[in-house]
N, C-alpha and C. Protein backbone atom coordinates (compact mmCIF):
# COMPACT_ATOMS: atom_id res chain seq x y z
N MET A 1 4.59 2.00 -0.50
CA MET A 1 4.50 3.22 0.01
C MET A 1 5.30 3.66 -0.83
N GLN A 2 3.93 4.75 -1.82
CA GLN A 2 4.30 5.79 -3.00
C GLN A 2 5.42 6.71 -2.56
N GLY A 3 5.36 7.38 -0.93
CA GLY A 3 6.16 8.21 -0.64
C GLY A 3 7.62 7.75 -1.13
N GLN A 4 7.50 6.63 -0.79
CA GLN A 4 9.44 6.14 -1.00
C GLN A 4 9.25 6.00 -2.33
N THR A 5 8.90 6.11 -3.02
CA THR A 5 8.66 5.36 -4.92
C THR A 5 9.35 6.51 -5.53
N TYR A 6 8.31 7.76 -4.97
CA TYR A 6 8.67 9.07 -5.80
C TYR A 6 9.22 10.49 -5.10
N ASP A 7 9.68 11.05 -5.68
CA ASP A 7 10.45 11.97 -4.62
C ASP A 7 9.93 13.61 -4.97
N LYS A 8 9.18 13.81 -6.13
CA LYS A 8 8.35 14.94 -6.43
C LYS A 8 7.44 15.04 -7.18
N VAL A 9 6.39 15.55 -7.44
CA VAL A 9 5.16 15.44 -7.95
C VAL A 9 4.77 17.16 -8.91
N TRP A 10 5.03 16.79 -9.99
CA TRP A 10 4.01 18.00 -10.54
C TRP A 10 2.73 17.99 -11.45
N LEU A 11 2.16 19.09 -11.60
CA LEU A 11 1.17 19.05 -13.06
C LEU A 11 1.61 18.70 -14.02
N PHE A 12 1.39 18.52 -14.87
CA PHE A 12 1.76 17.84 -16.08
C PHE A 12 1.88 19.35 -17.05
N LYS A 13 1.46 19.72 -16.83
CA LYS A 13 1.41 21.60 -17.79
C LYS A 13 2.63 22.15 -16.94
N ASP A 14 2.92 22.29 -15.78
CA ASP A 14 4.09 22.94 -15.08
C ASP A 14 5.51 21.94 -15.30
N TRP A 15 5.84 20.56 -15.48
CA TRP A 15 6.74 19.64 -15.62
C TRP A 15 6.96 19.87 -16.84
N ALA A 16 5.79 20.02 -17.87
CA ALA A 16 6.22 20.33 -19.47
C ALA A 16 6.80 21.79 -19.56
N ILE A 17 6.13 22.64 -19.38
CA ILE A 17 6.94 24.08 -19.39
C ILE A 17 7.91 24.21 -18.79
N GLU A 18 8.61 23.46 -17.57
CA GLU A 18 9.77 23.40 -17.27
C GLU A 18 11.04 23.14 -18.30
N ARG A 19 10.39 21.82 -19.08
CA ARG A 19 11.22 21.11 -19.95
C ARG A 19 11.06 21.59 -21.63
N GLY A 20 10.42 22.87 -21.69
CA GLY A 20 10.42 23.57 -22.93
C GLY A 20 9.41 22.85 -23.89
N LEU A 21 8.66 21.87 -23.39
CA LEU A 21 7.58 21.17 -23.52
C LEU A 21 6.19 21.61 -23.87
N PRO A 22 5.40 21.23 -25.15
CA PRO A 22 3.99 21.44 -25.48
C PRO A 22 3.05 21.48 -24.00
N SER A 23 2.45 21.72 -23.47
CA SER A 23 1.97 21.96 -22.39
C SER A 23 0.61 21.54 -22.60
N LYS A 24 0.21 21.30 -23.96
CA LYS A 24 -1.55 21.00 -24.16
C LYS A 24 -1.96 19.85 -23.23
N ASP A 25 -3.29 19.87 -23.65
CA ASP A 25 -4.07 18.60 -22.52
C ASP A 25 -3.65 17.35 -23.43
N THR A 26 -2.81 16.70 -22.52
CA THR A 26 -2.29 15.14 -23.26
C THR A 26 -3.38 14.10 -22.47
N SER A 27 -4.35 14.28 -21.47
CA SER A 27 -4.60 13.43 -20.58
C SER A 27 -4.00 13.07 -19.80
N ILE A 28 -2.83 13.65 -19.18
CA ILE A 28 -1.48 13.27 -18.43
C ILE A 28 -2.07 14.27 -17.16
N ASP A 29 -2.68 14.20 -15.81
CA ASP A 29 -2.65 14.94 -15.44
C ASP A 29 -1.57 15.42 -14.21
N LEU A 30 -1.06 14.69 -13.67
CA LEU A 30 0.65 14.62 -12.98
C LEU A 30 1.91 14.23 -13.43
N VAL A 31 2.90 14.50 -13.06
CA VAL A 31 3.99 13.60 -13.73
C VAL A 31 4.94 13.45 -12.45
N ALA A 32 5.28 12.25 -11.40
CA ALA A 32 6.25 11.66 -10.47
C ALA A 32 7.37 11.44 -10.95
N ARG A 33 8.35 12.27 -10.27
CA ARG A 33 9.98 11.68 -10.34
C ARG A 33 9.95 10.33 -9.62
N HIS A 34 10.69 9.17 -10.19
CA HIS A 34 11.32 8.29 -9.43
C HIS A 34 12.24 8.66 -8.01
N ALA A 35 12.15 8.32 -7.24
CA ALA A 35 13.06 8.77 -6.05
C ALA A 35 14.49 8.28 -6.10
N ASP A 36 14.91 7.22 -6.94
CA ASP A 36 16.26 6.90 -7.50
C ASP A 36 16.68 7.09 -8.82
N GLY A 37 15.94 8.19 -9.33
CA GLY A 37 16.21 8.98 -10.33
C GLY A 37 16.07 8.30 -11.99
N SER A 38 15.88 7.16 -11.65
CA SER A 38 15.50 6.31 -13.15
C SER A 38 14.50 6.97 -14.15
N GLY A 39 13.59 7.82 -14.12
CA GLY A 39 12.89 8.34 -14.53
C GLY A 39 11.86 8.87 -14.26
N PHE A 40 10.52 9.31 -15.02
CA PHE A 40 9.28 9.87 -14.41
C PHE A 40 7.93 8.75 -14.45
N CYS A 41 6.92 8.90 -13.89
CA CYS A 41 6.02 8.05 -14.52
C CYS A 41 4.45 9.35 -14.61
N ALA A 42 3.73 9.15 -15.45
CA ALA A 42 2.75 9.59 -16.03
C ALA A 42 1.41 9.13 -15.20
N VAL A 43 0.41 10.09 -14.47
CA VAL A 43 -0.39 9.89 -13.63
C VAL A 43 -1.68 10.25 -14.52
N GLN A 44 -2.90 9.66 -14.54
CA GLN A 44 -3.84 10.26 -14.36
C GLN A 44 -5.11 10.07 -13.73
N CYS A 45 -5.69 11.04 -13.62
CA CYS A 45 -6.41 10.87 -12.03
C CYS A 45 -7.82 10.94 -12.92
N LYS A 46 -8.65 10.02 -11.90
CA LYS A 46 -10.15 9.83 -11.71
C LYS A 46 -10.87 10.39 -11.12
N PHE A 47 -11.93 10.92 -11.21
CA PHE A 47 -12.59 11.28 -9.87
C PHE A 47 -14.22 10.70 -9.98
N TYR A 48 -14.82 10.24 -9.46
CA TYR A 48 -16.09 9.75 -9.32
C TYR A 48 -16.86 9.75 -8.60
N ALA A 49 -18.02 10.71 -8.65
CA ALA A 49 -19.18 10.89 -7.58
C ALA A 49 -19.48 9.99 -7.27
N VAL A 50 -19.67 9.87 -5.79
CA VAL A 50 -20.73 9.04 -5.23
C VAL A 50 -21.91 9.05 -5.32
N GLU A 51 -22.68 8.29 -5.49
CA GLU A 51 -24.03 8.22 -6.29
C GLU A 51 -25.03 8.14 -4.54
N CYS A 52 -25.79 8.95 -4.87
CA CYS A 52 -26.66 9.84 -3.72
C CYS A 52 -28.30 9.58 -4.36
N HIS A 53 -28.78 8.64 -3.35
CA HIS A 53 -30.02 8.16 -3.71
C HIS A 53 -31.06 8.57 -2.40
């Protein structure tokens, strides 16, 4: 279960700004912090529309 793996999730822009890093578009959408404190995970989100016929 992902909720046990990560304890906080940020929009990339917010995560970068909090750390004084450039917040320009890097194709990273979200950053999740590992609950055990071992680091972060970059997440790229995709949305695919359902085709209507």
